[in-house]
Amino acid sequence: MAASDATANAAGSPGGAARRRLVIASGNAGKLREIDHILAPLDFEVIPQGAFGVTEAPEPYCTFIENALTKARHASASTGLPALADDSGICVAALGGAPGVHSARYAGEPKSDARNNEKLVAALDGVADRRAHYYCVIVVVRSADDPQPLIGEGLWAGEVARAASGEGGFGYDPWFLIPATGLTVAQMPAELKNRISHRALALASIAGKLRSDF
């Protein structure tokens, strides 16, 4: 969704039923597409925080939940609207769970999927144990000071492939292999990924509350 479209939609559609508005606390285009698709059945008007000029919040914490909550509160405080934030990453068994919360900046600044993947592959050079999982925490706040945020989590088990495959997805997707399917996430059709991914599982775990609490 373009920023201009999102801003216009935020005002509502004349003559139509008002849709529930939800700001997404992310500037990652891949995440925004996935979240928009997964939330579509819940009839939310999903608005990226960039449509309001909201900048990314700091992510100084060592846990996914703290970072997600910080981002959600920041977006809500800046817009006055309910907000959803995601914090996610790849956790590799042989690396003690790294990159983990540092997945987006594993290779340092500026953020680069290519450099992150290069560093991960180098770290696993000669390592037999390729087990890994994607982990995601979703936080939704009704307001910036919401004392009872909705929290969902999802874990997607797989392994780091021996070679990159696929053109879809983003982040570590070309290297993240799901043995049960024989596909990397980058090879999966978007419809399949958005049904079984860590992000989909996290949103599914709070879908009932999203339907009733907003």
Protein backbone atom coordinates (compact mmCIF):
# COMPACT_ATOMS: atom_id res chain seq x y z
CA MET A 1 0.00 0.00 0.00
CA ALA A 2 1.43 3.37 -0.99
CA ALA A 3 1.77 6.00 1.71
CA SER A 4 -0.65 8.34 -0.06
CA ASP A 5 -3.24 5.58 -0.39
CA ALA A 6 -2.82 4.58 3.24
CA THR A 7 -3.26 8.15 4.44
CA ALA A 8 -6.38 8.57 2.32
CA ASN A 9 -7.80 5.26 3.51
CA ALA A 10 -7.12 6.23 7.11
CA ALA A 11 -9.86 8.80 6.81
CA GLY A 12 -12.39 6.08 5.96
CA SER A 13 -14.50 5.43 2.90
CA PRO A 14 -17.52 7.72 2.45
CA GLY A 15 -20.75 5.77 2.55
CA GLY A 16 -19.00 2.52 3.49
CA ALA A 17 -18.78 0.68 6.76
CA ALA A 18 -15.87 1.88 8.87
CA ARG A 19 -13.06 -0.64 8.96
CA ARG A 20 -10.93 -1.12 12.03
CA ARG A 21 -7.62 0.66 11.54
CA LEU A 22 -4.35 -0.89 12.63
CA VAL A 23 -0.92 0.69 12.26
CA ILE A 24 1.89 -1.72 11.41
CA ALA A 25 5.10 -0.76 13.18
CA SER A 26 7.48 -1.73 10.41
CA GLY A 27 9.13 -0.33 7.33
CA ASN A 28 10.06 -3.76 5.98
CA ALA A 29 8.16 -4.18 2.70
CA GLY A 30 8.22 -7.97 2.90
CA LYS A 31 6.78 -8.03 6.41
CA LEU A 32 4.12 -5.49 5.46
CA ARG A 33 2.95 -7.61 2.53
CA GLU A 34 2.79 -10.75 4.68
CA ILE A 35 0.95 -9.10 7.57
CA ASP A 36 -1.51 -7.41 5.20
CA HIS A 37 -2.26 -10.76 3.55
CA ILE A 38 -2.61 -12.69 6.81
CA LEU A 39 -4.87 -10.05 8.38
CA ALA A 40 -7.09 -9.68 5.31
CA PRO A 41 -9.79 -12.11 6.58
CA LEU A 42 -10.13 -10.05 9.77
CA ASP A 43 -11.15 -6.95 7.76
CA PHE A 44 -8.57 -4.57 9.20
CA GLU A 45 -7.42 -1.47 7.38
CA VAL A 46 -3.69 -2.05 7.65
CA ILE A 47 -1.65 1.16 7.54
CA PRO A 48 2.16 1.19 7.54
CA GLN A 49 3.60 3.56 10.13
CA GLY A 50 5.54 5.29 7.36
CA ALA A 51 2.24 6.64 6.01
CA PHE A 52 2.15 8.84 9.11
CA GLY A 53 5.84 9.74 8.98
CA VAL A 54 6.63 7.50 11.96
CA THR A 55 10.26 6.43 12.10
CA GLU A 56 11.52 3.07 13.32
CA ALA A 57 11.79 2.68 17.09
CA PRO A 58 15.04 1.58 18.73
CA GLU A 59 15.33 -2.16 19.43
CA PRO A 60 17.81 -2.28 22.32
CA TYR A 61 16.56 -5.35 24.13
CA CYS A 62 17.81 -8.93 24.21
CA THR A 63 14.34 -10.48 23.88
CA PHE A 64 11.89 -10.52 21.00
CA ILE A 65 8.94 -9.61 23.23
CA GLU A 66 10.54 -6.46 24.64
CA ASN A 67 11.52 -5.20 21.20
CA ALA A 68 8.08 -5.92 19.74
CA LEU A 69 6.30 -4.18 22.61
CA THR A 70 8.56 -1.12 22.30
CA LYS A 71 7.84 -0.85 18.58
CA ALA A 72 4.08 -1.23 19.03
CA ARG A 73 3.89 1.40 21.77
CA HIS A 74 6.02 3.80 19.74
CA ALA A 75 3.76 3.49 16.67
CA SER A 76 0.59 3.88 18.74
CA ALA A 77 1.93 6.88 20.64
CA SER A 78 2.93 8.56 17.37
CA THR A 79 -0.40 7.98 15.59
CA GLY A 80 -3.04 7.69 18.31
CA LEU A 81 -4.19 4.40 16.75
CA PRO A 82 -3.97 0.73 17.71
CA ALA A 83 -0.69 -0.72 16.53
CA LEU A 84 0.82 -4.08 15.68
CA ALA A 85 4.52 -4.87 15.88
CA ASP A 86 6.46 -7.94 14.97
CA ASP A 87 9.89 -8.97 16.19
CA SER A 88 11.31 -12.05 14.57
CA GLY A 89 14.49 -13.76 13.53
CA ILE A 90 16.30 -16.94 12.72
CA CYS A 91 17.78 -18.97 15.59
CA VAL A 92 20.46 -21.51 14.70
CA ALA A 93 21.15 -24.37 17.12
CA ALA A 94 24.88 -24.67 16.38
CA LEU A 95 25.31 -20.93 16.97
CA GLY A 96 23.65 -20.96 20.37
CA GLY A 97 20.47 -19.40 19.01
CA ALA A 98 22.18 -16.64 17.03
CA PRO A 99 21.49 -14.47 15.11
CA GLY A 100 18.21 -14.35 17.12
CA VAL A 101 17.08 -10.83 17.96
CA HIS A 102 20.02 -9.48 15.96
CA SER A 103 18.91 -11.18 12.73
CA ALA A 104 18.13 -7.97 10.85
CA ARG A 105 21.51 -6.45 11.70
CA TYR A 106 23.61 -9.60 12.03
CA ALA A 107 26.29 -8.22 9.70
CA GLY A 108 26.05 -4.69 11.11
CA GLU A 109 24.80 -1.42 9.69
CA PRO A 110 23.38 -0.62 7.26
CA LYS A 111 20.97 -3.54 7.28
CA SER A 112 21.62 -5.92 4.39
CA ASP A 113 19.98 -9.27 3.70
CA ALA A 114 22.86 -10.26 1.44
CA ARG A 115 25.57 -9.54 4.01
CA ASN A 116 23.55 -11.17 6.80
CA ASN A 117 23.23 -14.35 4.78
CA GLU A 118 26.91 -14.32 3.87
CA LYS A 119 27.85 -14.06 7.55
CA LEU A 120 25.47 -16.87 8.53
CA VAL A 121 26.76 -19.21 5.84
CA ALA A 122 30.36 -18.45 6.81
CA ALA A 123 29.60 -19.16 10.48
CA LEU A 124 28.26 -22.61 9.53
CA ASP A 125 31.10 -23.53 7.21
CA GLY A 126 32.00 -27.15 8.00
CA VAL A 127 29.24 -27.47 10.62
CA ALA A 128 27.14 -30.63 10.31
CA ASP A 129 24.26 -29.53 12.54
CA ARG A 130 22.14 -27.20 10.39
CA ARG A 131 19.03 -27.15 12.61
CA ALA A 132 17.36 -23.77 12.93
CA HIS A 133 14.01 -22.17 13.49
CA TYR A 134 12.29 -18.93 12.64
CA TYR A 135 10.70 -17.31 15.68
CA CYS A 136 8.17 -14.48 15.77
CA VAL A 137 6.43 -12.46 18.45
CA ILE A 138 3.44 -10.30 17.49
CA VAL A 139 2.27 -7.57 19.86
CA VAL A 140 -0.92 -5.54 19.38
CA VAL A 141 -1.71 -2.56 21.58
CA ARG A 142 -5.02 -0.70 21.62
CA SER A 143 -3.22 2.45 22.79
CA ALA A 144 0.32 3.43 23.69
CA ASP A 145 -0.27 2.71 27.40
CA ASP A 146 -2.37 -0.43 26.92
CA PRO A 147 -1.82 -2.51 30.11
CA GLN A 148 -3.03 -5.72 28.44
CA PRO A 149 -1.41 -5.99 25.01
CA LEU A 150 -2.28 -8.95 22.85
CA ILE A 151 0.74 -11.21 22.43
CA GLY A 152 1.16 -14.10 20.01
CA GLU A 153 4.16 -16.23 19.16
CA GLY A 154 5.08 -18.67 16.44
CA LEU A 155 7.99 -21.04 15.85
CA TRP A 156 8.78 -22.57 12.46
CA ALA A 157 11.33 -25.38 12.53
CA GLY A 158 13.70 -26.04 9.66
CA GLU A 159 17.38 -25.97 8.84
CA VAL A 160 19.97 -23.84 7.08
CA ALA A 161 20.34 -25.16 3.54
CA ARG A 162 23.66 -26.04 1.92
CA ALA A 163 22.89 -23.67 -0.95
CA ALA A 164 20.50 -20.78 -1.48
CA SER A 165 17.39 -21.49 -3.57
CA GLY A 166 14.40 -19.45 -4.67
CA GLU A 167 13.64 -15.87 -5.59
CA GLY A 168 10.74 -15.12 -3.24
CA GLY A 169 10.52 -13.93 0.35
CA PHE A 170 13.12 -11.80 2.08
CA GLY A 171 15.74 -11.99 4.79
CA TYR A 172 17.08 -15.49 5.28
CA ASP A 173 14.32 -17.15 3.24
CA PRO A 174 16.59 -18.44 0.40
CA TRP A 175 18.64 -20.34 3.00
CA PHE A 176 15.88 -21.52 5.33
CA LEU A 177 14.85 -25.03 4.31
CA ILE A 178 11.68 -26.77 5.49
CA PRO A 179 12.54 -30.48 5.21
CA ALA A 180 8.89 -31.61 5.20
CA THR A 181 8.30 -29.68 1.97
CA GLY A 182 11.76 -29.98 0.42
CA LEU A 183 11.60 -26.24 -0.26
CA THR A 184 13.36 -23.20 1.05
CA VAL A 185 10.98 -20.48 2.15
CA ALA A 186 12.06 -18.43 -0.88
CA GLN A 187 10.79 -21.24 -3.13
CA MET A 188 7.36 -21.41 -1.51
CA PRO A 189 4.26 -19.87 -3.06
CA ALA A 190 3.25 -16.84 -0.99
CA GLU A 191 -0.08 -18.46 -0.14
CA LEU A 192 1.66 -21.43 1.47
CA LYS A 193 4.18 -19.32 3.37
CA ASN A 194 1.45 -17.04 4.69
CA ARG A 195 -0.42 -20.06 6.02
CA ILE A 196 2.36 -21.96 7.80
CA SER A 197 5.06 -19.42 8.65
CA HIS A 198 6.15 -18.30 12.11
CA ARG A 199 4.42 -14.97 11.47
CA ALA A 200 1.19 -16.66 10.42
CA LEU A 201 1.27 -18.88 13.50
CA ALA A 202 1.85 -15.90 15.78
CA LEU A 203 -1.08 -13.98 14.28
CA ALA A 204 -3.31 -17.06 14.33
CA SER A 205 -2.70 -17.43 18.07
CA ILE A 206 -4.33 -14.05 18.73
CA ALA A 207 -6.80 -13.95 15.83
CA GLY A 208 -9.79 -14.61 18.07
CA LYS A 209 -8.92 -11.71 20.32
CA LEU A 210 -8.34 -9.44 17.33
CA ARG A 211 -11.83 -10.28 16.12
CA SER A 212 -13.48 -9.49 19.44
CA ASP A 213 -11.32 -6.93 21.22
CA PHE A 214 -11.19 -4.15 18.62
